[in-house]
Amino acid sequence: METIKPGNWMQTETKPRLINRLNRIEGQVRGIARMIEDDRYCIDLLTQLQAVRAALHRVETEVLKDHLDHCVMGAMTGDDPLDRRAKAQELIELLGRAGR
């Protein structure tokens, strides 16, 4: 599937929150690398890895929510039936990939 790269899809207020979260996640990942270099206990590493995975899941949820609130809702209330169908198909494909 081809990725469309339009100008401004994400809602303006969502961007800074996501960037802030991703910056914190980046710091967590660097911390995990240091823990490995310092030969830290495996359970401590696994705990931090779970925290990063949970934080990424929260970012993913925020992006999906923004997409549903902004892009999908716009298509569903708009006049273009092809756009509505395309947005529905995108979600179906996304959910199919998540199930793998």
Protein backbone atom coordinates (compact mmCIF):
# COMPACT_ATOMS: atom_id res chain seq x y z
CA MET A 1 0.00 0.00 0.00
CA GLU A 2 1.34 3.42 -0.93
CA THR A 3 1.77 5.93 1.87
CA ILE A 4 0.21 9.29 1.11
CA LYS A 5 2.31 12.22 2.34
CA PRO A 6 -0.04 15.19 2.60
CA GLY A 7 0.69 18.49 4.24
CA ASN A 8 -1.03 18.55 7.63
CA TRP A 9 -2.98 15.48 8.67
CA MET A 10 -2.32 15.37 12.41
CA GLN A 11 -4.17 17.77 14.65
CA THR A 12 -1.91 20.60 15.79
CA GLU A 13 -2.38 20.02 19.52
CA THR A 14 -1.45 16.33 19.20
CA LYS A 15 2.01 16.87 17.74
CA PRO A 16 3.80 18.43 20.73
CA ARG A 17 2.43 15.80 23.12
CA LEU A 18 3.60 12.97 20.88
CA ILE A 19 7.03 14.53 20.31
CA ASN A 20 7.42 14.96 24.07
CA ARG A 21 6.45 11.33 24.71
CA LEU A 22 8.76 10.05 21.98
CA ASN A 23 11.65 12.09 23.36
CA ARG A 24 11.08 10.48 26.77
CA ILE A 25 10.95 7.04 25.15
CA GLU A 26 14.20 7.80 23.35
CA GLY A 27 15.77 8.61 26.71
CA GLN A 28 14.43 5.36 28.15
CA VAL A 29 15.97 3.38 25.29
CA ARG A 30 19.33 5.09 25.78
CA GLY A 31 19.06 4.21 29.48
CA ILE A 32 18.47 0.57 28.58
CA ALA A 33 21.57 0.59 26.40
CA ARG A 34 23.56 1.95 29.33
CA MET A 35 22.08 -0.75 31.57
CA ILE A 36 23.30 -3.40 29.13
CA GLU A 37 26.75 -1.80 28.98
CA ASP A 38 26.82 -1.76 32.81
CA ASP A 39 25.84 -5.45 32.90
CA ARG A 40 22.66 -4.81 34.87
CA TYR A 41 20.40 -7.60 36.10
CA CYS A 42 18.20 -9.14 33.39
CA ILE A 43 14.93 -8.56 35.25
CA ASP A 44 15.76 -4.85 35.53
CA LEU A 45 16.35 -4.74 31.78
CA LEU A 46 13.13 -6.60 31.05
CA THR A 47 11.20 -4.26 33.32
CA GLN A 48 12.52 -1.24 31.43
CA LEU A 49 11.84 -2.89 28.07
CA GLN A 50 8.24 -3.50 29.12
CA ALA A 51 7.96 0.15 30.14
CA VAL A 52 9.21 1.28 26.71
CA ARG A 53 6.82 -1.06 24.94
CA ALA A 54 3.91 0.28 27.04
CA ALA A 55 4.96 3.87 26.32
CA LEU A 56 5.11 3.15 22.57
CA HIS A 57 1.68 1.55 22.78
CA ARG A 58 0.34 4.76 24.36
CA VAL A 59 1.83 6.80 21.51
CA GLU A 60 0.29 4.40 18.99
CA THR A 61 -3.09 4.77 20.70
CA GLU A 62 -2.83 8.56 20.57
CA VAL A 63 -1.97 8.52 16.86
CA LEU A 64 -4.86 6.15 16.13
CA LYS A 65 -7.25 8.31 18.16
CA ASP A 66 -6.09 11.42 16.30
CA HIS A 67 -6.51 9.63 12.98
CA LEU A 68 -10.04 8.52 13.88
CA ASP A 69 -11.05 11.93 15.24
CA HIS A 70 -9.50 13.93 12.42
CA CYS A 71 -8.97 11.97 9.20
CA VAL A 72 -11.57 9.22 9.41
CA MET A 73 -14.31 11.42 10.87
CA GLY A 74 -13.61 13.99 8.17
CA ALA A 75 -13.95 11.36 5.47
CA MET A 76 -17.09 9.85 6.97
CA THR A 77 -18.84 13.22 7.20
CA GLY A 78 -17.51 14.42 3.84
CA ASP A 79 -19.03 14.16 0.40
CA ASP A 80 -16.46 11.83 -1.19
CA PRO A 81 -17.52 8.16 -1.11
CA LEU A 82 -14.11 7.06 -2.44
CA ASP A 83 -12.39 8.83 0.47
CA ARG A 84 -14.73 7.10 2.95
CA ARG A 85 -13.97 3.73 1.40
CA ALA A 86 -10.22 4.43 1.35
CA LYS A 87 -10.19 5.38 5.05
CA ALA A 88 -12.13 2.24 5.96
CA GLN A 89 -9.77 0.08 3.89
CA GLU A 90 -6.72 1.66 5.55
CA LEU A 91 -8.08 0.75 8.98
CA ILE A 92 -8.91 -2.80 7.89
CA GLU A 93 -5.36 -3.27 6.58
CA LEU A 94 -3.85 -1.72 9.71
CA LEU A 95 -5.84 -4.04 11.98
CA GLY A 96 -4.89 -6.99 9.78
CA ARG A 97 -1.20 -6.19 10.18
CA ALA A 98 -1.60 -5.78 13.95
CA GLY A 99 -2.99 -9.30 14.19
CA ARG A 100 0.14 -10.88 12.72
